[in-house]
N, C-alpha and C. Protein backbone atom coordinates (compact mmCIF):
# COMPACT_ATOMS: atom_id res chain seq x y z
N MET A 1 -47.53 58.04 -31.68
CA MET A 1 -48.25 59.11 -32.29
C MET A 1 -49.64 58.61 -32.70
N THR A 2 -50.64 59.39 -32.45
CA THR A 2 -52.02 59.01 -32.74
C THR A 2 -52.37 59.38 -34.18
N THR A 3 -53.02 58.45 -34.88
CA THR A 3 -53.45 58.73 -36.24
C THR A 3 -54.91 59.13 -36.25
N ASN A 4 -55.33 59.75 -37.32
CA ASN A 4 -56.73 60.16 -37.43
C ASN A 4 -57.66 58.96 -37.43
N ALA A 5 -57.25 57.86 -38.07
CA ALA A 5 -58.09 56.66 -38.11
C ALA A 5 -58.28 56.08 -36.71
N PHE A 6 -57.20 56.08 -35.91
CA PHE A 6 -57.30 55.58 -34.54
C PHE A 6 -58.25 56.46 -33.72
N ALA A 7 -58.12 57.76 -33.87
CA ALA A 7 -58.98 58.69 -33.13
C ALA A 7 -60.44 58.53 -33.55
N ALA A 8 -60.68 58.37 -34.84
CA ALA A 8 -62.05 58.18 -35.32
C ALA A 8 -62.63 56.87 -34.77
N GLY A 9 -61.82 55.83 -34.72
CA GLY A 9 -62.28 54.56 -34.16
C GLY A 9 -62.57 54.66 -32.68
N ALA A 10 -61.73 55.39 -31.95
CA ALA A 10 -61.96 55.58 -30.51
C ALA A 10 -63.23 56.37 -30.27
N TYR A 11 -63.45 57.41 -31.07
CA TYR A 11 -64.67 58.21 -30.92
C TYR A 11 -65.90 57.36 -31.21
N ALA A 12 -65.84 56.53 -32.25
CA ALA A 12 -66.97 55.65 -32.58
C ALA A 12 -67.22 54.66 -31.45
N ALA A 13 -66.16 54.14 -30.84
CA ALA A 13 -66.32 53.21 -29.73
C ALA A 13 -66.96 53.89 -28.53
N ILE A 14 -66.58 55.14 -28.27
CA ILE A 14 -67.15 55.87 -27.14
C ILE A 14 -68.64 56.12 -27.36
N GLN A 15 -69.03 56.41 -28.60
CA GLN A 15 -70.44 56.64 -28.88
C GLN A 15 -71.27 55.40 -28.63
N ASN A 16 -70.69 54.22 -28.78
CA ASN A 16 -71.43 52.97 -28.66
C ASN A 16 -71.21 52.25 -27.34
N ILE A 17 -70.61 52.90 -26.35
CA ILE A 17 -70.30 52.23 -25.10
C ILE A 17 -71.55 51.67 -24.43
N GLY A 18 -72.63 52.41 -24.41
CA GLY A 18 -73.83 51.96 -23.73
C GLY A 18 -74.64 50.94 -24.51
N ALA A 19 -74.34 50.75 -25.79
CA ALA A 19 -75.13 49.86 -26.64
C ALA A 19 -74.73 48.41 -26.42
N LYS A 20 -75.69 47.51 -26.58
CA LYS A 20 -75.39 46.09 -26.49
C LYS A 20 -74.55 45.70 -27.69
N GLY A 21 -73.57 44.84 -27.47
CA GLY A 21 -72.71 44.39 -28.55
C GLY A 21 -71.75 45.48 -29.01
N ALA A 22 -71.49 46.45 -28.15
CA ALA A 22 -70.59 47.54 -28.52
C ALA A 22 -69.17 47.02 -28.65
N PRO A 23 -68.39 47.61 -29.53
CA PRO A 23 -67.01 47.17 -29.67
C PRO A 23 -66.23 47.46 -28.40
N LYS A 24 -65.32 46.57 -28.07
CA LYS A 24 -64.49 46.73 -26.89
C LYS A 24 -63.27 47.57 -27.23
N ILE A 25 -62.76 48.28 -26.23
CA ILE A 25 -61.57 49.08 -26.43
C ILE A 25 -60.37 48.16 -26.37
N ALA A 26 -59.42 48.39 -27.25
CA ALA A 26 -58.23 47.53 -27.35
C ALA A 26 -57.46 47.54 -26.04
N PRO A 27 -56.84 46.39 -25.65
CA PRO A 27 -56.11 46.32 -24.39
C PRO A 27 -54.99 47.35 -24.30
N ALA A 28 -54.31 47.67 -25.41
CA ALA A 28 -53.23 48.66 -25.37
C ALA A 28 -53.78 50.03 -24.99
N ALA A 29 -54.93 50.38 -25.51
CA ALA A 29 -55.53 51.66 -25.19
C ALA A 29 -56.10 51.65 -23.78
N GLN A 30 -56.49 50.47 -23.31
CA GLN A 30 -57.13 50.37 -22.01
C GLN A 30 -56.11 50.35 -20.87
N ALA A 31 -54.88 49.98 -21.15
CA ALA A 31 -53.89 49.83 -20.10
C ALA A 31 -53.69 51.11 -19.31
N GLY A 32 -53.57 52.24 -19.98
CA GLY A 32 -53.32 53.48 -19.28
C GLY A 32 -54.57 54.22 -18.89
N GLY A 33 -55.72 53.83 -19.40
CA GLY A 33 -56.92 54.61 -19.16
C GLY A 33 -58.10 53.82 -18.68
N SER A 34 -57.87 52.75 -17.93
CA SER A 34 -58.99 51.94 -17.50
C SER A 34 -59.91 52.72 -16.55
N ASN A 35 -59.36 53.60 -15.75
CA ASN A 35 -60.20 54.39 -14.85
C ASN A 35 -61.06 55.37 -15.65
N PHE A 36 -60.48 55.98 -16.68
CA PHE A 36 -61.24 56.90 -17.51
C PHE A 36 -62.35 56.16 -18.25
N THR A 37 -62.05 54.96 -18.73
CA THR A 37 -63.04 54.16 -19.43
C THR A 37 -64.21 53.80 -18.52
N SER A 38 -63.92 53.39 -17.31
CA SER A 38 -65.00 53.04 -16.38
C SER A 38 -65.79 54.28 -15.98
N LEU A 39 -65.11 55.41 -15.82
CA LEU A 39 -65.81 56.65 -15.50
C LEU A 39 -66.74 57.05 -16.64
N LEU A 40 -66.24 56.96 -17.86
CA LEU A 40 -67.05 57.31 -19.02
C LEU A 40 -68.24 56.36 -19.17
N SER A 41 -68.01 55.08 -18.97
CA SER A 41 -69.09 54.09 -19.07
C SER A 41 -70.17 54.36 -18.02
N SER A 42 -69.77 54.63 -16.80
CA SER A 42 -70.76 54.86 -15.75
C SER A 42 -71.52 56.16 -15.99
N THR A 43 -70.84 57.17 -16.53
CA THR A 43 -71.51 58.43 -16.83
C THR A 43 -72.54 58.25 -17.93
N LEU A 44 -72.16 57.54 -18.98
CA LEU A 44 -73.11 57.28 -20.07
C LEU A 44 -74.30 56.45 -19.59
N GLU A 45 -74.03 55.51 -18.72
CA GLU A 45 -75.12 54.69 -18.17
C GLU A 45 -76.06 55.53 -17.31
N SER A 46 -75.52 56.47 -16.54
CA SER A 46 -76.38 57.30 -15.71
C SER A 46 -77.23 58.25 -16.55
N VAL A 47 -76.69 58.74 -17.67
CA VAL A 47 -77.48 59.58 -18.57
C VAL A 47 -78.61 58.75 -19.18
N GLY A 48 -78.28 57.53 -19.60
CA GLY A 48 -79.31 56.65 -20.14
C GLY A 48 -80.38 56.30 -19.11
N GLU A 49 -79.94 56.09 -17.88
CA GLU A 49 -80.89 55.76 -16.81
C GLU A 49 -81.83 56.95 -16.54
N ALA A 50 -81.30 58.17 -16.60
CA ALA A 50 -82.14 59.35 -16.41
C ALA A 50 -83.21 59.43 -17.50
N GLY A 51 -82.83 59.10 -18.72
CA GLY A 51 -83.79 59.09 -19.83
C GLY A 51 -84.86 58.02 -19.64
N ARG A 52 -84.42 56.84 -19.18
CA ARG A 52 -85.38 55.76 -18.93
C ARG A 52 -86.36 56.11 -17.80
N ARG A 53 -85.84 56.80 -16.76
CA ARG A 53 -86.72 57.24 -15.67
C ARG A 53 -87.76 58.23 -16.17
N ALA A 54 -87.32 59.16 -17.02
CA ALA A 54 -88.25 60.15 -17.56
C ALA A 54 -89.31 59.46 -18.41
N ASP A 55 -88.91 58.49 -19.22
CA ASP A 55 -89.88 57.74 -20.03
C ASP A 55 -90.86 56.98 -19.15
N GLY A 56 -90.34 56.36 -18.09
CA GLY A 56 -91.20 55.61 -17.18
C GLY A 56 -92.20 56.51 -16.48
N GLN A 57 -91.75 57.68 -16.06
CA GLN A 57 -92.66 58.63 -15.41
C GLN A 57 -93.73 59.12 -16.38
N ALA A 58 -93.34 59.37 -17.64
CA ALA A 58 -94.31 59.82 -18.64
C ALA A 58 -95.36 58.74 -18.89
N MET A 59 -94.94 57.50 -18.94
CA MET A 59 -95.89 56.40 -19.14
C MET A 59 -96.80 56.24 -17.93
N ALA A 60 -96.25 56.43 -16.74
CA ALA A 60 -97.05 56.32 -15.52
C ALA A 60 -98.10 57.42 -15.44
N VAL A 61 -97.73 58.64 -15.85
CA VAL A 61 -98.71 59.72 -15.81
C VAL A 61 -99.77 59.51 -16.88
N ALA A 62 -99.38 58.92 -18.00
CA ALA A 62 -100.37 58.63 -19.05
C ALA A 62 -101.37 57.59 -18.57
N GLY A 63 -100.92 56.69 -17.70
CA GLY A 63 -101.81 55.68 -17.13
C GLY A 63 -102.53 56.16 -15.89
N GLY A 64 -102.28 57.39 -15.47
CA GLY A 64 -102.94 57.93 -14.29
C GLY A 64 -102.35 57.47 -12.99
N LYS A 65 -101.10 56.98 -13.00
CA LYS A 65 -100.50 56.43 -11.79
C LYS A 65 -99.41 57.32 -11.19
N ALA A 66 -99.15 58.46 -11.80
CA ALA A 66 -98.07 59.32 -11.29
C ALA A 66 -98.50 60.78 -11.31
N ASN A 67 -97.73 61.57 -10.61
CA ASN A 67 -97.98 63.00 -10.51
C ASN A 67 -97.23 63.71 -11.64
N VAL A 68 -97.81 64.75 -12.20
CA VAL A 68 -97.19 65.50 -13.28
C VAL A 68 -95.89 66.16 -12.83
N VAL A 69 -95.82 66.57 -11.58
CA VAL A 69 -94.61 67.20 -11.05
C VAL A 69 -93.43 66.22 -11.12
N ASP A 70 -93.69 64.94 -10.82
CA ASP A 70 -92.64 63.93 -10.91
C ASP A 70 -92.14 63.79 -12.35
N VAL A 71 -93.04 63.85 -13.31
CA VAL A 71 -92.66 63.75 -14.72
C VAL A 71 -91.80 64.94 -15.13
N VAL A 72 -92.21 66.13 -14.75
CA VAL A 72 -91.46 67.34 -15.10
C VAL A 72 -90.07 67.29 -14.48
N THR A 73 -89.98 66.85 -13.24
CA THR A 73 -88.69 66.74 -12.58
C THR A 73 -87.78 65.73 -13.28
N ALA A 74 -88.33 64.56 -13.62
CA ALA A 74 -87.54 63.53 -14.30
C ALA A 74 -87.08 64.00 -15.68
N VAL A 75 -87.94 64.67 -16.41
CA VAL A 75 -87.56 65.18 -17.73
C VAL A 75 -86.49 66.25 -17.61
N ALA A 76 -86.61 67.12 -16.63
CA ALA A 76 -85.61 68.17 -16.43
C ALA A 76 -84.25 67.57 -16.06
N GLU A 77 -84.25 66.54 -15.21
CA GLU A 77 -83.00 65.87 -14.85
C GLU A 77 -82.37 65.22 -16.07
N SER A 78 -83.18 64.57 -16.88
CA SER A 78 -82.70 63.92 -18.09
C SER A 78 -82.12 64.94 -19.06
N GLU A 79 -82.82 66.05 -19.23
CA GLU A 79 -82.35 67.09 -20.15
C GLU A 79 -81.04 67.70 -19.68
N THR A 80 -80.91 67.94 -18.38
CA THR A 80 -79.68 68.50 -17.83
C THR A 80 -78.51 67.53 -18.01
N ALA A 81 -78.75 66.25 -17.75
CA ALA A 81 -77.70 65.25 -17.91
C ALA A 81 -77.25 65.16 -19.37
N LEU A 82 -78.18 65.20 -20.29
CA LEU A 82 -77.84 65.12 -21.70
C LEU A 82 -77.09 66.37 -22.16
N GLN A 83 -77.52 67.54 -21.72
CA GLN A 83 -76.82 68.78 -22.09
C GLN A 83 -75.39 68.79 -21.54
N THR A 84 -75.21 68.28 -20.34
CA THR A 84 -73.87 68.19 -19.76
C THR A 84 -73.00 67.24 -20.56
N LEU A 85 -73.55 66.10 -20.93
CA LEU A 85 -72.81 65.12 -21.72
C LEU A 85 -72.40 65.71 -23.07
N VAL A 86 -73.28 66.42 -23.71
CA VAL A 86 -72.97 67.03 -25.01
C VAL A 86 -71.89 68.11 -24.84
N ALA A 87 -71.96 68.89 -23.79
CA ALA A 87 -70.96 69.92 -23.55
C ALA A 87 -69.58 69.31 -23.31
N VAL A 88 -69.52 68.23 -22.55
CA VAL A 88 -68.25 67.55 -22.31
C VAL A 88 -67.72 66.96 -23.61
N ARG A 89 -68.59 66.35 -24.40
CA ARG A 89 -68.17 65.79 -25.68
C ARG A 89 -67.59 66.88 -26.58
N ASP A 90 -68.25 68.03 -26.63
CA ASP A 90 -67.76 69.13 -27.45
C ASP A 90 -66.38 69.60 -26.98
N ARG A 91 -66.18 69.64 -25.67
CA ARG A 91 -64.87 70.06 -25.15
C ARG A 91 -63.79 69.04 -25.48
N VAL A 92 -64.12 67.75 -25.42
CA VAL A 92 -63.15 66.71 -25.76
C VAL A 92 -62.77 66.81 -27.23
N ILE A 93 -63.74 67.00 -28.08
CA ILE A 93 -63.46 67.13 -29.52
C ILE A 93 -62.61 68.38 -29.77
N SER A 94 -62.93 69.46 -29.12
CA SER A 94 -62.16 70.69 -29.27
C SER A 94 -60.71 70.50 -28.82
N ALA A 95 -60.52 69.82 -27.70
CA ALA A 95 -59.17 69.56 -27.21
C ALA A 95 -58.41 68.66 -28.17
N TYR A 96 -59.07 67.64 -28.70
CA TYR A 96 -58.43 66.74 -29.67
C TYR A 96 -58.01 67.51 -30.91
N GLU A 97 -58.89 68.37 -31.42
CA GLU A 97 -58.55 69.15 -32.61
C GLU A 97 -57.38 70.09 -32.34
N GLU A 98 -57.33 70.66 -31.16
CA GLU A 98 -56.21 71.54 -30.81
C GLU A 98 -54.91 70.76 -30.73
N ILE A 99 -54.95 69.58 -30.16
CA ILE A 99 -53.76 68.73 -30.09
C ILE A 99 -53.28 68.35 -31.49
N MET A 100 -54.21 68.05 -32.36
CA MET A 100 -53.83 67.66 -33.73
C MET A 100 -53.21 68.84 -34.50
N ARG A 101 -53.52 70.07 -34.15
CA ARG A 101 -52.94 71.24 -34.81
C ARG A 101 -51.55 71.59 -34.29
N MET A 102 -51.16 71.00 -33.16
CA MET A 102 -49.86 71.32 -32.57
C MET A 102 -48.71 70.85 -33.45
N GLN A 103 -47.66 71.64 -33.47
CA GLN A 103 -46.45 71.27 -34.20
C GLN A 103 -45.63 70.29 -33.36
N ILE A 104 -45.04 69.34 -34.02
CA ILE A 104 -44.24 68.33 -33.30
C ILE A 104 -42.78 68.71 -33.35
């Protein structure tokens, strides 16, 4: 049975997956969900990479080395990726809350 403290710790770990020095997921939790963990890590990394690309394009246009259309495209891709990530996070939290309300 999952406790609220365990769930809060897992959520905190997921928020910090892309950060350096992030806490590692416990081996017991990782045994059944290693594919989900790698999928989540790669998704978070791709969202971060989209943000870094948008920042790089903005800096390049400020230096006169890039086209404004490229900047707008990179920012739009970054915004879409972030909105998708937030929507998925909201659905996961909603599903968790529904599971916690279920009678055993």
